[in-house]
Amino acid sequence: MGGVALGALAMVGFAIVASGTLAHAPDRIAFGAVVNLTVTATLVAWWSGVKRSGLASSIALAALAWGVVVGRIWVADAPLGMLVAIGGMTEVVTMGWLMLRWRYRHRQLPR
């Protein structure tokens, strides 16, 4: 069900970008499309895939990374500063999460 929701979300974003409405207000519509592809897709993946279906939390991270890449490629007037900020934030969160997991797995057990 989560894959269907993500596919529908992406198709709506692509339809808006491909339509002629992007020419009327390119900054606002590009911003909305990028937020749709990054933040909303991540929330949908988290809510429907991770929380409800018990999938790995990396699914939501993959949805965010996919949204950043697709937002940069498909949205012509994409706010690049926002994409860079989202990508940087994702990298910091991912590396922190990996370090915490590594530390938890490799800690010394009391004897």
N, C-alpha and C. Protein backbone atom coordinates (compact mmCIF):
# COMPACT_ATOMS: atom_id res chain seq x y z
N MET A 1 0.82 -1.19 0.00
CA MET A 1 0.00 0.00 0.00
C MET A 1 0.87 1.26 0.00
N GLY A 2 1.99 1.20 0.71
CA GLY A 2 2.88 2.36 0.75
C GLY A 2 3.49 2.67 -0.60
N GLY A 3 3.81 1.62 -1.37
CA GLY A 3 4.35 1.84 -2.71
C GLY A 3 3.34 2.50 -3.63
N VAL A 4 2.09 2.14 -3.50
CA VAL A 4 1.03 2.76 -4.30
C VAL A 4 0.89 4.24 -3.93
N ALA A 5 0.94 4.54 -2.64
CA ALA A 5 0.84 5.93 -2.19
C ALA A 5 2.03 6.75 -2.68
N LEU A 6 3.24 6.18 -2.62
CA LEU A 6 4.42 6.89 -3.12
C LEU A 6 4.34 7.10 -4.62
N GLY A 7 3.87 6.09 -5.35
CA GLY A 7 3.71 6.23 -6.80
C GLY A 7 2.70 7.30 -7.17
N ALA A 8 1.58 7.33 -6.45
CA ALA A 8 0.57 8.36 -6.72
C ALA A 8 1.09 9.75 -6.39
N LEU A 9 1.84 9.87 -5.32
CA LEU A 9 2.43 11.15 -4.93
C LEU A 9 3.41 11.64 -6.00
N ALA A 10 4.24 10.74 -6.50
CA ALA A 10 5.20 11.11 -7.54
C ALA A 10 4.48 11.48 -8.84
N MET A 11 3.46 10.73 -9.20
CA MET A 11 2.74 11.02 -10.45
C MET A 11 2.05 12.38 -10.40
N VAL A 12 1.50 12.73 -9.26
CA VAL A 12 0.87 14.04 -9.12
C VAL A 12 1.91 15.14 -9.25
N GLY A 13 3.06 14.95 -8.61
CA GLY A 13 4.14 15.94 -8.71
C GLY A 13 4.64 16.09 -10.13
N PHE A 14 4.82 14.98 -10.82
CA PHE A 14 5.28 15.03 -12.22
C PHE A 14 4.24 15.67 -13.12
N ALA A 15 2.96 15.39 -12.87
CA ALA A 15 1.90 15.97 -13.69
C ALA A 15 1.85 17.49 -13.52
N ILE A 16 2.04 17.97 -12.31
CA ILE A 16 2.03 19.41 -12.07
C ILE A 16 3.21 20.07 -12.75
N VAL A 17 4.40 19.45 -12.62
CA VAL A 17 5.60 20.03 -13.24
C VAL A 17 5.50 20.00 -14.75
N ALA A 18 4.95 18.94 -15.33
CA ALA A 18 4.87 18.81 -16.77
C ALA A 18 3.76 19.67 -17.38
N SER A 19 2.80 20.10 -16.58
CA SER A 19 1.71 20.90 -17.11
C SER A 19 2.17 22.33 -17.35
N GLY A 20 1.33 23.13 -17.91
CA GLY A 20 1.67 24.51 -18.21
C GLY A 20 1.60 25.44 -17.01
N THR A 21 1.17 24.94 -15.87
CA THR A 21 1.03 25.81 -14.71
C THR A 21 2.38 26.22 -14.13
N LEU A 22 3.42 25.49 -14.42
CA LEU A 22 4.74 25.82 -13.90
C LEU A 22 5.22 27.17 -14.44
N ALA A 23 4.77 27.55 -15.63
CA ALA A 23 5.19 28.82 -16.22
C ALA A 23 4.56 30.01 -15.51
N HIS A 24 3.44 29.83 -14.83
CA HIS A 24 2.76 30.95 -14.17
C HIS A 24 3.49 31.41 -12.91
N ALA A 25 3.95 30.48 -12.12
CA ALA A 25 4.66 30.81 -10.87
C ALA A 25 5.75 29.76 -10.66
N PRO A 26 6.84 29.84 -11.41
CA PRO A 26 7.83 28.76 -11.35
C PRO A 26 8.47 28.58 -9.99
N ASP A 27 8.71 29.66 -9.26
CA ASP A 27 9.36 29.52 -7.95
C ASP A 27 8.47 28.78 -6.95
N ARG A 28 7.23 29.18 -6.86
CA ARG A 28 6.31 28.57 -5.89
C ARG A 28 5.99 27.13 -6.24
N ILE A 29 5.70 26.88 -7.52
CA ILE A 29 5.33 25.52 -7.92
C ILE A 29 6.53 24.59 -7.83
N ALA A 30 7.71 25.06 -8.20
CA ALA A 30 8.92 24.24 -8.08
C ALA A 30 9.20 23.92 -6.62
N PHE A 31 9.02 24.89 -5.73
CA PHE A 31 9.21 24.66 -4.30
C PHE A 31 8.22 23.60 -3.81
N GLY A 32 6.96 23.73 -4.20
CA GLY A 32 5.95 22.75 -3.79
C GLY A 32 6.24 21.37 -4.33
N ALA A 33 6.71 21.28 -5.57
CA ALA A 33 7.02 19.97 -6.16
C ALA A 33 8.21 19.33 -5.45
N VAL A 34 9.20 20.13 -5.10
CA VAL A 34 10.36 19.57 -4.41
C VAL A 34 9.99 19.13 -3.00
N VAL A 35 9.19 19.90 -2.30
CA VAL A 35 8.73 19.49 -0.97
C VAL A 35 7.90 18.22 -1.08
N ASN A 36 7.08 18.13 -2.11
CA ASN A 36 6.26 16.95 -2.35
C ASN A 36 7.15 15.72 -2.56
N LEU A 37 8.20 15.87 -3.37
CA LEU A 37 9.05 14.73 -3.68
C LEU A 37 9.99 14.34 -2.55
N THR A 38 10.30 15.26 -1.67
CA THR A 38 11.25 14.95 -0.60
C THR A 38 10.56 14.71 0.73
N VAL A 39 10.01 15.74 1.29
CA VAL A 39 9.47 15.66 2.65
C VAL A 39 8.20 14.81 2.71
N THR A 40 7.26 15.07 1.83
CA THR A 40 6.00 14.32 1.86
C THR A 40 6.23 12.85 1.52
N ALA A 41 7.08 12.57 0.54
CA ALA A 41 7.35 11.17 0.20
C ALA A 41 8.02 10.44 1.35
N THR A 42 8.89 11.12 2.08
CA THR A 42 9.53 10.50 3.24
C THR A 42 8.51 10.20 4.32
N LEU A 43 7.61 11.15 4.58
CA LEU A 43 6.58 10.93 5.59
C LEU A 43 5.64 9.79 5.20
N VAL A 44 5.29 9.71 3.92
CA VAL A 44 4.43 8.61 3.46
C VAL A 44 5.16 7.28 3.61
N ALA A 45 6.44 7.23 3.23
CA ALA A 45 7.21 6.00 3.36
C ALA A 45 7.34 5.60 4.83
N TRP A 46 7.55 6.57 5.69
CA TRP A 46 7.67 6.26 7.12
C TRP A 46 6.35 5.76 7.68
N TRP A 47 5.28 6.48 7.39
CA TRP A 47 3.99 6.13 7.99
C TRP A 47 3.46 4.80 7.46
N SER A 48 3.50 4.62 6.15
CA SER A 48 2.88 3.42 5.59
C SER A 48 3.83 2.24 5.52
N GLY A 49 5.13 2.49 5.36
CA GLY A 49 6.06 1.38 5.21
C GLY A 49 6.73 0.96 6.50
N VAL A 50 7.29 1.92 7.21
CA VAL A 50 8.08 1.60 8.39
C VAL A 50 7.19 1.37 9.60
N LYS A 51 6.30 2.31 9.84
CA LYS A 51 5.50 2.24 11.06
C LYS A 51 4.41 1.16 10.99
N ARG A 52 3.74 1.07 9.88
CA ARG A 52 2.62 0.13 9.79
C ARG A 52 3.03 -1.26 9.34
N SER A 53 3.94 -1.35 8.38
CA SER A 53 4.31 -2.65 7.82
C SER A 53 5.54 -3.26 8.47
N GLY A 54 6.26 -2.50 9.26
CA GLY A 54 7.43 -3.03 9.92
C GLY A 54 8.65 -3.17 9.03
N LEU A 55 8.71 -2.41 7.95
CA LEU A 55 9.88 -2.44 7.09
C LEU A 55 11.05 -1.72 7.76
N ALA A 56 12.21 -1.89 7.19
CA ALA A 56 13.40 -1.23 7.75
C ALA A 56 13.28 0.28 7.60
N SER A 57 13.84 1.01 8.55
CA SER A 57 13.75 2.47 8.51
C SER A 57 14.57 3.06 7.37
N SER A 58 15.43 2.27 6.78
CA SER A 58 16.19 2.76 5.63
C SER A 58 15.30 2.99 4.42
N ILE A 59 14.10 2.44 4.41
CA ILE A 59 13.15 2.67 3.33
C ILE A 59 12.77 4.15 3.28
N ALA A 60 12.52 4.75 4.42
CA ALA A 60 12.19 6.18 4.46
C ALA A 60 13.38 7.02 4.03
N LEU A 61 14.56 6.62 4.42
CA LEU A 61 15.77 7.33 4.01
C LEU A 61 15.97 7.21 2.51
N ALA A 62 15.70 6.04 1.95
CA ALA A 62 15.82 5.86 0.51
C ALA A 62 14.79 6.71 -0.23
N ALA A 63 13.60 6.85 0.32
CA ALA A 63 12.58 7.70 -0.30
C ALA A 63 13.02 9.15 -0.30
N LEU A 64 13.65 9.60 0.78
CA LEU A 64 14.15 10.97 0.85
C LEU A 64 15.27 11.19 -0.16
N ALA A 65 16.21 10.26 -0.23
CA ALA A 65 17.32 10.40 -1.18
C ALA A 65 16.80 10.37 -2.62
N TRP A 66 15.86 9.51 -2.90
CA TRP A 66 15.27 9.44 -4.23
C TRP A 66 14.57 10.75 -4.56
N GLY A 67 13.87 11.32 -3.60
CA GLY A 67 13.17 12.59 -3.81
C GLY A 67 14.13 13.73 -4.10
N VAL A 68 15.27 13.76 -3.42
CA VAL A 68 16.26 14.81 -3.69
C VAL A 68 16.80 14.68 -5.10
N VAL A 69 17.14 13.48 -5.51
CA VAL A 69 17.69 13.26 -6.85
C VAL A 69 16.66 13.57 -7.92
N VAL A 70 15.46 13.06 -7.76
CA VAL A 70 14.41 13.29 -8.77
C VAL A 70 14.00 14.76 -8.79
N GLY A 71 13.97 15.40 -7.63
CA GLY A 71 13.66 16.83 -7.60
C GLY A 71 14.67 17.64 -8.37
N ARG A 72 15.93 17.27 -8.27
CA ARG A 72 16.97 17.99 -9.00
C ARG A 72 16.89 17.73 -10.50
N ILE A 73 16.58 16.51 -10.89
CA ILE A 73 16.55 16.15 -12.31
C ILE A 73 15.29 16.64 -13.00
N TRP A 74 14.12 16.43 -12.39
CA TRP A 74 12.85 16.67 -13.08
C TRP A 74 12.29 18.07 -12.92
N VAL A 75 12.60 18.73 -11.84
CA VAL A 75 12.03 20.06 -11.61
C VAL A 75 13.04 21.09 -12.11
N ALA A 76 12.68 21.78 -13.19
CA ALA A 76 13.61 22.69 -13.86
C ALA A 76 14.03 23.85 -12.96
N ASP A 77 13.11 24.46 -12.26
CA ASP A 77 13.40 25.61 -11.42
C ASP A 77 13.49 25.22 -9.95
N ALA A 78 14.06 24.05 -9.70
CA ALA A 78 14.12 23.55 -8.32
C ALA A 78 14.98 24.47 -7.46
N PRO A 79 14.53 24.73 -6.25
CA PRO A 79 15.35 25.53 -5.33
C PRO A 79 16.56 24.71 -4.88
N LEU A 80 17.69 24.94 -5.53
CA LEU A 80 18.88 24.13 -5.28
C LEU A 80 19.38 24.25 -3.85
N GLY A 81 19.26 25.45 -3.27
CA GLY A 81 19.68 25.62 -1.89
C GLY A 81 18.91 24.71 -0.95
N MET A 82 17.62 24.56 -1.19
CA MET A 82 16.81 23.69 -0.35
C MET A 82 17.20 22.23 -0.54
N LEU A 83 17.47 21.83 -1.80
CA LEU A 83 17.87 20.46 -2.04
C LEU A 83 19.22 20.16 -1.38
N VAL A 84 20.14 21.10 -1.44
CA VAL A 84 21.44 20.90 -0.80
C VAL A 84 21.27 20.82 0.71
N ALA A 85 20.42 21.66 1.27
CA ALA A 85 20.18 21.62 2.71
C ALA A 85 19.55 20.31 3.12
N ILE A 86 18.58 19.84 2.37
CA ILE A 86 17.93 18.56 2.69
C ILE A 86 18.93 17.42 2.56
N GLY A 87 19.74 17.44 1.49
CA GLY A 87 20.75 16.40 1.31
C GLY A 87 21.78 16.40 2.43
N GLY A 88 22.22 17.59 2.85
CA GLY A 88 23.17 17.68 3.96
C GLY A 88 22.59 17.22 5.27
N MET A 89 21.34 17.60 5.51
CA MET A 89 20.67 17.16 6.73
C MET A 89 20.52 15.65 6.74
N THR A 90 20.19 15.08 5.60
CA THR A 90 20.05 13.63 5.49
C THR A 90 21.37 12.94 5.78
N GLU A 91 22.45 13.49 5.26
CA GLU A 91 23.76 12.88 5.50
C GLU A 91 24.13 12.93 6.98
N VAL A 92 23.89 14.06 7.64
CA VAL A 92 24.22 14.18 9.07
C VAL A 92 23.38 13.21 9.89
N VAL A 93 22.10 13.13 9.62
CA VAL A 93 21.22 12.22 10.36
C VAL A 93 21.62 10.77 10.11
N THR A 94 21.91 10.43 8.87
CA THR A 94 22.29 9.06 8.54
C THR A 94 23.60 8.65 9.22
N MET A 95 24.59 9.51 9.15
CA MET A 95 25.87 9.18 9.78
C MET A 95 25.74 9.10 11.30
N GLY A 96 24.95 9.97 11.91
CA GLY A 96 24.71 9.89 13.34
C GLY A 96 24.01 8.60 13.72
N TRP A 97 23.02 8.22 12.95
CA TRP A 97 22.27 6.99 13.19
C TRP A 97 23.18 5.78 13.05
N LEU A 98 24.03 5.77 12.02
CA LEU A 98 24.96 4.65 11.82
C LEU A 98 25.98 4.57 12.96
N MET A 99 26.47 5.71 13.40
CA MET A 99 27.44 5.70 14.50
C MET A 99 26.79 5.19 15.80
N LEU A 100 25.56 5.59 16.06
CA LEU A 100 24.88 5.10 17.25
C LEU A 100 24.64 3.60 17.18
N ARG A 101 24.27 3.12 16.02
CA ARG A 101 24.06 1.67 15.85
C ARG A 101 25.37 0.92 16.02
N TRP A 102 26.44 1.45 15.43
CA TRP A 102 27.74 0.79 15.54
C TRP A 102 28.19 0.76 17.00
N ARG A 103 28.01 1.87 17.68
CA ARG A 103 28.42 1.95 19.09
C ARG A 103 27.60 0.99 19.94
N TYR A 104 26.32 0.89 19.66
CA TYR A 104 25.45 -0.01 20.42
C TYR A 104 25.86 -1.47 20.20
N ARG A 105 26.18 -1.83 18.98
CA ARG A 105 26.54 -3.22 18.67
C ARG A 105 27.92 -3.59 19.20
N HIS A 106 28.81 -2.64 19.30
CA HIS A 106 30.19 -2.94 19.67
C HIS A 106 30.55 -2.51 21.10
N ARG A 107 29.59 -2.26 21.91
CA ARG A 107 29.88 -1.84 23.28
C ARG A 107 30.31 -3.05 24.10
N GLN A 108 31.04 -2.78 25.15
CA GLN A 108 31.53 -3.84 26.03
C GLN A 108 30.39 -4.24 26.98
N LEU A 109 30.14 -5.51 27.05
CA LEU A 109 29.15 -6.00 27.98
C LEU A 109 29.78 -6.19 29.35
N PRO A 110 29.09 -5.86 30.44
CA PRO A 110 29.67 -6.04 31.77
C PRO A 110 29.86 -7.53 32.09
N ARG A 111 30.95 -7.82 32.77
CA ARG A 111 31.23 -9.24 33.10
C ARG A 111 30.90 -9.55 34.51
